[in-house]
Protein backbone atom coordinates (compact mmCIF):
# COMPACT_ATOMS: atom_id res chain seq x y z
CA MET A 1 -26.92 -8.54 -17.47
CA ASP A 2 -24.74 -10.74 -19.93
CA LYS A 3 -22.22 -8.25 -18.38
CA ILE A 4 -22.83 -9.45 -15.01
CA GLU A 5 -22.95 -12.81 -16.04
CA GLY A 6 -19.58 -12.62 -17.11
CA ASN A 7 -18.30 -12.14 -14.35
CA VAL A 8 -19.48 -14.19 -12.39
CA GLU A 9 -17.17 -17.17 -12.79
CA LEU A 10 -14.45 -14.40 -11.54
CA VAL A 11 -16.21 -13.30 -8.86
CA PHE A 12 -16.36 -17.03 -6.88
CA SER A 13 -12.42 -18.21 -8.16
CA LYS A 14 -11.39 -15.88 -5.90
CA GLN A 15 -9.47 -16.64 -2.54
CA HIS A 16 -10.65 -15.73 0.95
CA PHE A 17 -8.13 -14.65 3.62
CA GLY A 18 -9.39 -15.74 7.42
CA ILE A 19 -6.51 -14.19 8.91
CA LEU A 20 -7.37 -11.16 7.35
CA ASP A 21 -10.59 -11.29 8.45
CA GLY A 22 -9.47 -11.93 12.20
CA LEU A 23 -7.27 -9.20 11.79
CA ARG A 24 -10.38 -6.69 10.41
CA GLY A 25 -12.59 -8.01 13.77
CA LEU A 26 -9.86 -7.91 16.75
CA ALA A 27 -8.94 -4.28 15.24
CA ALA A 28 -13.01 -3.23 16.02
CA VAL A 29 -13.06 -4.40 18.89
CA ALA A 30 -9.59 -2.27 19.74
CA VAL A 31 -11.23 0.57 18.87
CA VAL A 32 -15.04 -0.06 20.85
CA ILE A 33 -12.42 -0.90 24.16
CA PHE A 34 -10.48 2.34 22.63
CA HIS A 35 -13.68 4.70 23.12
CA PHE A 36 -15.00 3.18 26.40
CA MET A 37 -11.06 4.34 27.80
CA GLU A 38 -10.78 7.81 25.71
CA ILE A 39 -14.17 7.87 28.56
CA ALA A 40 -13.05 6.54 31.83
CA VAL A 41 -9.75 8.07 31.08
CA PRO A 42 -9.27 10.95 29.11
CA ASP A 43 -5.67 11.20 29.00
CA TYR A 44 -4.18 9.06 26.64
CA ASN A 45 -1.25 8.66 28.20
CA ASP A 46 -3.31 6.48 31.45
CA SER A 47 -4.70 4.35 28.75
CA PHE A 48 -3.36 1.14 28.04
CA ILE A 49 -5.14 1.48 24.68
CA ALA A 50 -4.30 4.83 23.55
CA HIS A 51 -2.66 4.19 20.08
CA ALA A 52 -5.96 2.03 19.29
CA TYR A 53 -7.04 5.20 17.02
CA LEU A 54 -4.73 3.74 14.36
CA ALA A 55 -6.89 0.94 13.87
CA VAL A 56 -8.64 3.30 11.09
CA ASP A 57 -5.33 3.68 8.91
CA PHE A 58 -5.15 0.08 9.40
CA PHE A 59 -8.83 -0.58 7.99
CA PHE A 60 -8.17 1.91 5.11
CA CYS A 61 -4.77 0.08 4.00
CA LEU A 62 -6.93 -2.98 3.73
CA SER A 63 -10.04 -1.47 2.34
CA GLY A 64 -6.84 -0.38 -0.19
CA PHE A 65 -5.85 -4.35 -0.53
CA VAL A 66 -9.54 -5.64 -0.57
CA ILE A 67 -10.26 -3.24 -3.44
CA ALA A 68 -7.59 -4.33 -5.49
CA TYR A 69 -7.46 -7.81 -5.11
CA SER A 70 -11.41 -7.96 -5.78
CA TYR A 71 -12.21 -5.91 -8.73
CA ASP A 72 -8.92 -4.39 -10.14
CA GLU A 73 -8.98 -7.70 -12.89
CA ARG A 74 -13.06 -7.55 -13.22
CA LEU A 75 -14.06 -3.73 -13.26
CA SER A 76 -13.95 -2.94 -16.38
CA LYS A 77 -16.33 -6.07 -17.10
CA LEU A 78 -18.79 -5.27 -13.82
CA GLY A 79 -19.13 -1.17 -14.94
CA ILE A 80 -18.12 1.20 -12.33
CA LEU A 81 -22.15 1.69 -11.36
CA ASN A 82 -22.22 -1.86 -10.78
CA PHE A 83 -19.16 -1.71 -8.96
CA LEU A 84 -20.95 1.04 -7.24
CA LYS A 85 -24.54 -0.42 -6.47
CA LEU A 86 -22.17 -2.93 -4.68
CA ARG A 87 -19.74 -1.34 -2.69
CA LEU A 88 -23.19 0.69 -1.47
CA ILE A 89 -25.07 -2.52 -1.00
CA ARG A 90 -22.77 -4.34 1.38
CA LEU A 91 -21.25 -0.47 3.41
CA HIS A 92 -25.28 1.89 3.14
CA PRO A 93 -27.14 -0.29 5.60
CA LEU A 94 -25.47 0.25 8.51
CA VAL A 95 -24.64 3.28 8.35
CA ILE A 96 -28.61 4.21 8.57
CA LEU A 97 -28.88 1.91 10.91
CA GLY A 98 -26.07 4.03 12.99
CA SER A 99 -27.94 7.15 11.85
CA ILE A 100 -31.08 5.35 13.91
CA ILE A 101 -29.71 4.06 16.89
CA GLY A 102 -27.87 7.48 17.17
CA LEU A 103 -30.90 9.64 16.65
CA VAL A 104 -33.07 7.06 18.91
CA MET A 105 -30.04 7.67 22.08
CA PHE A 106 -29.46 10.75 21.16
CA MET A 107 -33.31 11.58 21.73
CA PHE A 108 -33.35 9.38 24.72
CA ASP A 109 -30.57 9.41 26.63
CA PRO A 110 -32.09 9.23 30.23
CA PHE A 111 -29.01 10.66 31.92
CA SER A 112 -27.93 13.91 29.87
CA ASP A 113 -30.96 17.22 28.50
CA LEU A 114 -28.03 17.83 25.75
CA TYR A 115 -30.93 16.72 23.33
CA ASN A 116 -32.91 19.80 24.38
CA LYS A 117 -29.87 22.11 23.27
CA TYR A 118 -30.02 21.22 19.53
CA GLU A 119 -33.50 19.32 19.01
CA ASN A 120 -33.98 21.99 16.10
CA ASN A 121 -31.24 20.80 14.51
CA LEU A 122 -32.36 17.04 14.73
CA ILE A 123 -32.92 16.95 10.83
CA GLU A 124 -29.36 17.86 9.40
CA MET A 125 -28.20 15.87 11.96
CA PHE A 126 -30.08 13.01 10.71
CA LEU A 127 -29.99 13.31 7.26
CA GLY A 128 -26.63 13.94 7.16
CA SER A 129 -25.64 11.20 9.15
CA CYS A 130 -27.79 8.90 6.53
CA LEU A 131 -26.59 10.69 3.94
CA MET A 132 -22.85 10.97 5.29
CA ILE A 133 -23.09 14.90 4.85
CA PRO A 134 -20.54 15.89 7.01
CA TYR A 135 -22.20 18.35 9.83
CA PRO A 136 -20.48 18.97 12.87
CA LEU A 137 -22.28 20.32 15.27
CA VAL A 138 -21.91 19.37 18.88
CA HIS A 139 -18.66 21.34 20.75
CA GLU A 140 -20.30 20.07 24.10
CA ARG A 141 -19.06 16.44 22.15
CA TYR A 142 -16.07 17.01 20.42
CA PHE A 143 -17.06 18.33 17.34
CA ASN A 144 -17.56 15.23 15.28
CA LEU A 145 -18.81 15.59 11.46
CA PHE A 146 -21.65 12.84 12.07
CA HIS A 147 -22.43 13.44 15.78
CA LEU A 148 -25.21 10.73 16.02
CA ASN A 149 -22.68 8.20 14.78
CA PRO A 150 -18.53 9.51 15.37
CA PRO A 151 -17.66 6.29 13.33
CA THR A 152 -19.29 7.54 10.52
CA TRP A 153 -16.68 10.11 9.38
CA SER A 154 -14.31 7.03 8.49
CA LEU A 155 -17.09 5.95 6.41
CA PHE A 156 -17.29 9.18 4.66
CA TRP A 157 -13.45 8.86 3.33
CA GLU A 158 -14.46 5.11 2.53
CA TYR A 159 -16.83 6.34 0.40
CA LEU A 160 -14.31 9.21 -1.75
CA ALA A 161 -11.27 6.00 -1.93
CA ASN A 162 -13.48 3.87 -3.69
CA ILE A 163 -15.58 6.83 -6.30
CA CYS A 164 -11.75 7.44 -6.95
CA TYR A 165 -10.47 3.48 -7.32
CA ALA A 166 -12.95 3.05 -9.30
CA ILE A 167 -12.69 6.23 -12.03
CA PHE A 168 -9.21 6.71 -11.78
CA LEU A 169 -6.73 4.59 -9.72
CA ILE A 170 -8.16 1.83 -11.25
CA LYS A 171 -5.96 2.90 -14.47
CA ILE A 172 -2.78 4.51 -13.21
CA SER A 173 0.44 2.44 -13.70
CA ASN A 174 2.28 0.83 -11.27
CA LYS A 175 4.92 3.30 -11.61
CA ILE A 176 2.52 6.49 -10.76
CA LEU A 177 0.69 4.55 -7.81
CA TRP A 178 4.38 4.15 -6.09
CA ILE A 179 4.66 8.00 -6.82
CA MET A 180 1.38 8.80 -5.40
CA THR A 181 1.79 6.69 -2.30
CA ILE A 182 5.15 8.62 -1.91
CA LEU A 183 2.99 12.20 -2.29
CA ALA A 184 0.84 10.25 0.72
CA ALA A 185 3.61 9.47 2.83
CA ALA A 186 5.69 12.40 2.40
CA VAL A 187 1.48 14.11 3.55
CA LEU A 188 1.16 11.68 5.82
CA ILE A 189 4.40 12.03 8.18
CA TYR A 190 3.93 16.56 8.00
CA GLU A 191 0.34 15.79 9.14
CA ALA A 192 2.08 13.94 12.00
CA GLN A 193 4.64 16.51 12.61
CA ARG A 194 1.50 19.25 12.37
CA SER A 195 -1.14 17.94 14.73
CA GLY A 196 1.55 16.34 16.95
CA ASN A 197 -0.51 13.11 16.12
CA LEU A 198 -2.30 10.69 14.01
CA ALA A 199 -5.64 10.68 15.39
CA VAL A 200 -7.54 13.56 13.17
CA GLY A 201 -10.01 13.07 10.47
CA TRP A 202 -12.59 13.23 13.17
CA GLY A 203 -13.94 16.51 14.07
CA GLY A 204 -14.70 20.01 11.86
CA ASP A 205 -11.52 21.59 13.48
CA ASN A 206 -8.78 18.43 12.13
CA ILE A 207 -11.11 17.50 8.67
CA LYS A 208 -8.54 17.74 6.38
CA GLY A 209 -6.55 14.84 8.50
CA GLY A 210 -8.85 12.09 7.63
CA GLY A 211 -8.33 12.83 3.73
CA ILE A 212 -4.82 12.33 4.08
CA ARG A 213 -5.14 9.34 6.24
CA VAL A 214 -6.61 7.70 3.35
CA PHE A 215 -5.15 9.10 0.66
CA TYR A 216 -2.09 7.05 1.73
CA SER A 217 -3.46 4.60 3.83
CA PHE A 218 -5.94 2.94 1.00
CA LEU A 219 -2.44 3.40 -1.87
CA ALA A 220 -0.75 0.97 0.37
CA GLY A 221 -2.78 -1.27 0.04
CA ILE A 222 -3.14 -1.77 -3.21
CA LEU A 223 0.68 -1.22 -3.87
CA VAL A 224 1.15 -4.83 -1.79
CA TYR A 225 -1.91 -6.62 -3.94
CA ARG A 226 -0.30 -4.98 -7.20
CA MET A 227 3.39 -5.21 -6.37
CA ARG A 228 2.33 -8.90 -4.69
CA TRP A 229 3.38 -8.60 -1.45
CA ILE A 230 2.28 -11.85 -0.17
CA LEU A 231 4.09 -13.27 2.89
CA SER A 232 4.01 -16.44 2.42
CA TRP A 233 4.81 -17.70 6.54
CA LYS A 234 3.55 -20.42 8.26
CA ILE A 235 2.23 -17.93 11.05
CA SER A 236 -0.92 -18.76 13.15
CA PHE A 237 -3.74 -16.18 13.52
CA ILE A 238 -2.81 -15.26 17.63
CA SER A 239 0.82 -14.64 16.48
CA ILE A 240 -0.19 -12.15 13.60
CA GLY A 241 -2.80 -10.93 15.76
CA ALA A 242 -0.48 -10.01 19.10
CA LEU A 243 1.88 -7.83 16.31
CA LEU A 244 -1.46 -6.01 15.76
CA LEU A 245 -2.49 -5.25 19.25
CA ALA A 246 1.13 -4.35 19.92
CA VAL A 247 0.57 -1.27 18.12
CA PHE A 248 -2.25 -0.60 19.74
CA LEU A 249 -0.97 -1.07 23.26
CA ILE A 250 1.41 1.36 22.92
CA PRO A 251 2.01 3.66 25.57
CA PHE A 252 1.03 7.30 24.23
CA SER A 253 4.16 10.08 24.00
CA LYS A 254 3.54 13.76 22.54
CA GLU A 255 7.57 13.61 22.35
CA PHE A 256 7.45 10.79 19.90
CA ASN A 257 3.89 10.45 18.87
CA SER A 258 4.77 12.50 15.90
CA LEU A 259 7.50 9.80 14.72
CA ILE A 260 5.95 6.35 15.89
CA ASP A 261 2.28 7.20 14.37
CA PRO A 262 3.72 7.36 11.29
CA PHE A 263 6.09 4.39 10.94
CA PHE A 264 3.36 1.74 11.99
CA VAL A 265 0.92 3.20 9.16
CA ILE A 266 3.55 3.54 5.95
CA VAL A 267 5.92 0.49 7.19
CA TYR A 268 4.08 -1.55 9.78
CA PHE A 269 0.44 -2.05 8.58
CA PRO A 270 1.12 -2.58 5.01
CA ILE A 271 3.88 -5.15 5.85
CA LEU A 272 1.35 -6.44 8.85
CA ILE A 273 -1.86 -6.89 5.42
CA ALA A 274 1.22 -9.12 2.77
CA LEU A 275 2.06 -11.37 6.13
CA GLY A 276 -1.86 -11.73 6.68
CA ALA A 277 -2.52 -12.31 3.22
CA GLY A 278 -0.34 -14.57 2.99
CA ALA A 279 0.13 -16.73 6.64
CA THR A 280 -1.20 -20.06 6.08
CA GLY A 281 -0.56 -20.99 9.67
CA ARG A 282 -2.85 -22.71 12.56
CA GLY A 283 -6.19 -20.39 12.57
CA ALA A 284 -5.88 -18.96 8.95
CA ASN A 285 -9.66 -20.51 8.35
CA SER A 286 -10.66 -21.00 12.05
CA TRP A 287 -14.96 -20.25 13.22
CA VAL A 288 -12.79 -17.20 15.31
CA CYS A 289 -11.40 -15.75 12.19
CA LYS A 290 -14.56 -15.81 10.02
CA PHE A 291 -16.44 -14.26 13.69
CA SER A 292 -14.23 -11.72 13.80
CA GLY A 293 -14.13 -10.89 10.33
CA ASN A 294 -18.19 -10.98 10.18
CA ILE A 295 -19.05 -9.08 13.04
CA SER A 296 -15.95 -6.10 12.81
CA TYR A 297 -18.18 -4.23 10.39
CA PRO A 298 -21.43 -4.16 12.51
CA LEU A 299 -19.42 -3.48 15.80
CA TYR A 300 -17.49 -0.73 14.18
CA MET A 301 -20.88 0.90 12.88
CA ILE A 302 -23.35 0.73 15.59
CA HIS A 303 -21.51 0.71 19.06
CA TYR A 304 -20.94 4.28 19.43
CA PRO A 305 -24.04 5.44 20.33
CA PHE A 306 -23.71 3.43 23.11
CA ILE A 307 -20.65 5.19 24.08
CA TRP A 308 -22.33 8.12 23.79
CA LEU A 309 -25.05 6.68 26.78
CA TYR A 310 -22.20 5.68 28.75
CA MET A 311 -21.05 9.23 28.96
CA SER A 312 -23.96 10.10 29.60
CA ASN A 313 -23.58 7.83 32.78
CA VAL A 314 -20.36 9.13 33.77
CA GLU A 315 -20.85 12.52 34.06
CA ARG A 316 -24.13 12.37 35.85
CA PHE A 317 -22.81 10.07 38.46
CA LYS A 318 -19.39 9.81 38.11
CA PRO A 319 -18.62 6.36 38.98
CA THR A 320 -15.42 5.08 40.42
CA LEU A 321 -12.90 3.95 37.95
CA SER A 322 -13.65 0.45 39.07
CA GLU A 323 -17.17 0.30 38.31
CA GLN A 324 -16.24 1.53 34.89
CA THR A 325 -14.07 -0.87 34.33
CA ILE A 326 -17.33 -3.73 35.02
CA ILE A 327 -19.48 -1.14 33.00
CA ILE A 328 -16.75 -1.53 29.89
CA VAL A 329 -16.00 -5.37 30.00
CA PHE A 330 -19.56 -6.23 30.58
CA GLY A 331 -20.63 -3.20 28.19
CA VAL A 332 -17.78 -4.42 25.14
CA VAL A 333 -19.02 -8.05 25.85
CA LEU A 334 -22.90 -7.43 25.23
CA LEU A 335 -21.78 -4.80 21.73
CA ILE A 336 -20.79 -8.18 20.19
CA VAL A 337 -23.95 -9.83 21.01
CA LEU A 338 -25.16 -7.14 19.44
CA ALA A 339 -23.05 -6.78 15.88
CA TYR A 340 -23.97 -10.44 15.59
CA ALA A 341 -28.15 -10.18 16.08
CA VAL A 342 -27.18 -6.78 13.85
CA LEU A 343 -25.38 -8.84 11.12
CA ILE A 344 -27.64 -12.06 11.35
CA TRP A 345 -31.50 -10.64 11.45
CA VAL A 346 -30.57 -6.37 9.88
CA ASP A 347 -27.69 -6.33 7.78
CA LEU A 348 -27.34 -9.55 6.37
CA PRO A 349 -31.04 -9.74 5.47
CA ILE A 350 -31.63 -6.19 4.02
CA ARG A 351 -28.21 -6.82 1.72
CA ASN A 352 -29.59 -10.36 0.16
CA ARG A 353 -33.00 -8.17 -0.79
CA LEU A 354 -31.32 -5.27 -2.23
CA ARG A 355 -28.81 -8.14 -4.09
CA SER A 356 -32.54 -9.70 -5.13
CA GLY A 357 -33.81 -7.15 -6.36
CA THR A 358 -30.99 -5.31 -8.92
CA SER A 359 -29.81 -6.81 -12.04
CA MET A 360 -26.55 -8.07 -9.67
CA SER A 361 -28.85 -10.49 -8.33
CA LEU A 362 -26.45 -13.58 -9.57
CA ILE A 363 -23.33 -12.41 -7.77
CA ASN A 364 -24.64 -13.01 -4.49
CA LYS A 365 -21.38 -12.30 -2.51
CA VAL A 366 -18.02 -11.11 -3.54
CA ARG A 367 -16.02 -13.44 -2.02
CA SER A 368 -12.95 -10.91 -1.20
CA PRO A 369 -9.95 -11.90 1.91
CA ALA A 370 -11.82 -9.17 3.89
CA HIS A 371 -14.98 -6.59 3.14
CA SER A 372 -13.46 -3.34 3.45
């Protein structure tokens, strides 16, 4: 208990970066729209938001920055076990909730009978999703590592990155960090050339790509913090948000993706995070940034089962693109509302209860720039 008490002051002294919260929420909304568009317009060349899969690399980089910023100076006193408990409390309730929603949607999908084919594997699918044990099975729907809630794939790598940080990365010198980051960048470039783009890591046939993506981006985020690359510019949330959205809106190109994707992941996103961390312009502490940051993780973790429902509807009824556009617009809005409801009535109460039931109850909240 003394170990925890000694860290309370340090926890609460941490600065909060509102614009990074806003960017995280903006990226989460882009992911939701991207997933809808994958169904409405399967050919990425025709999608207006075809590069939003790079939002995951932005999340990984932001997470590296957040973790280093929040724990570099206090992990030795806090302890690895308590660090991992904090991460589980922060992340895992919605991993389980997303799995439950995915299970219900899969079993009671009114537009598809796919469940009948895989009902004998349902327990394994559900436990794999809750425990984040990859279980690629459903070939009819992209062979995802976690069919019930596909975005869990990135949390799988997020957890591994957090464990590596606590055991190893916290101890390495900046020189070693530089070497590892450069090596990771080279591997990332190779993967982009081999696969043609960086939309990998989510499926049973491309799982290694996820490790490659988190390997570079998480290290780059740590490097941004440890080198103190904080760009103190007076720039508004709208302006920096536009810089992020511009990446997602770049047209898909089989010819150039292998060059475009690594550039934005290796160079652009770390600079954007450095800029967001130092931004002092209009909107840095606005309710928009706060709301956006608050709903980002719930939105990311609960939206995909509803994408499966949408896909089943499209497969069965084949609505026109105009009809699908209406569904997508209302779907995104309703999912944002649902994410906020989940945050207020499920996620926060569960996290507060878990904190109060542990020796970490004195640490009510880790005040970090953006919760990964």
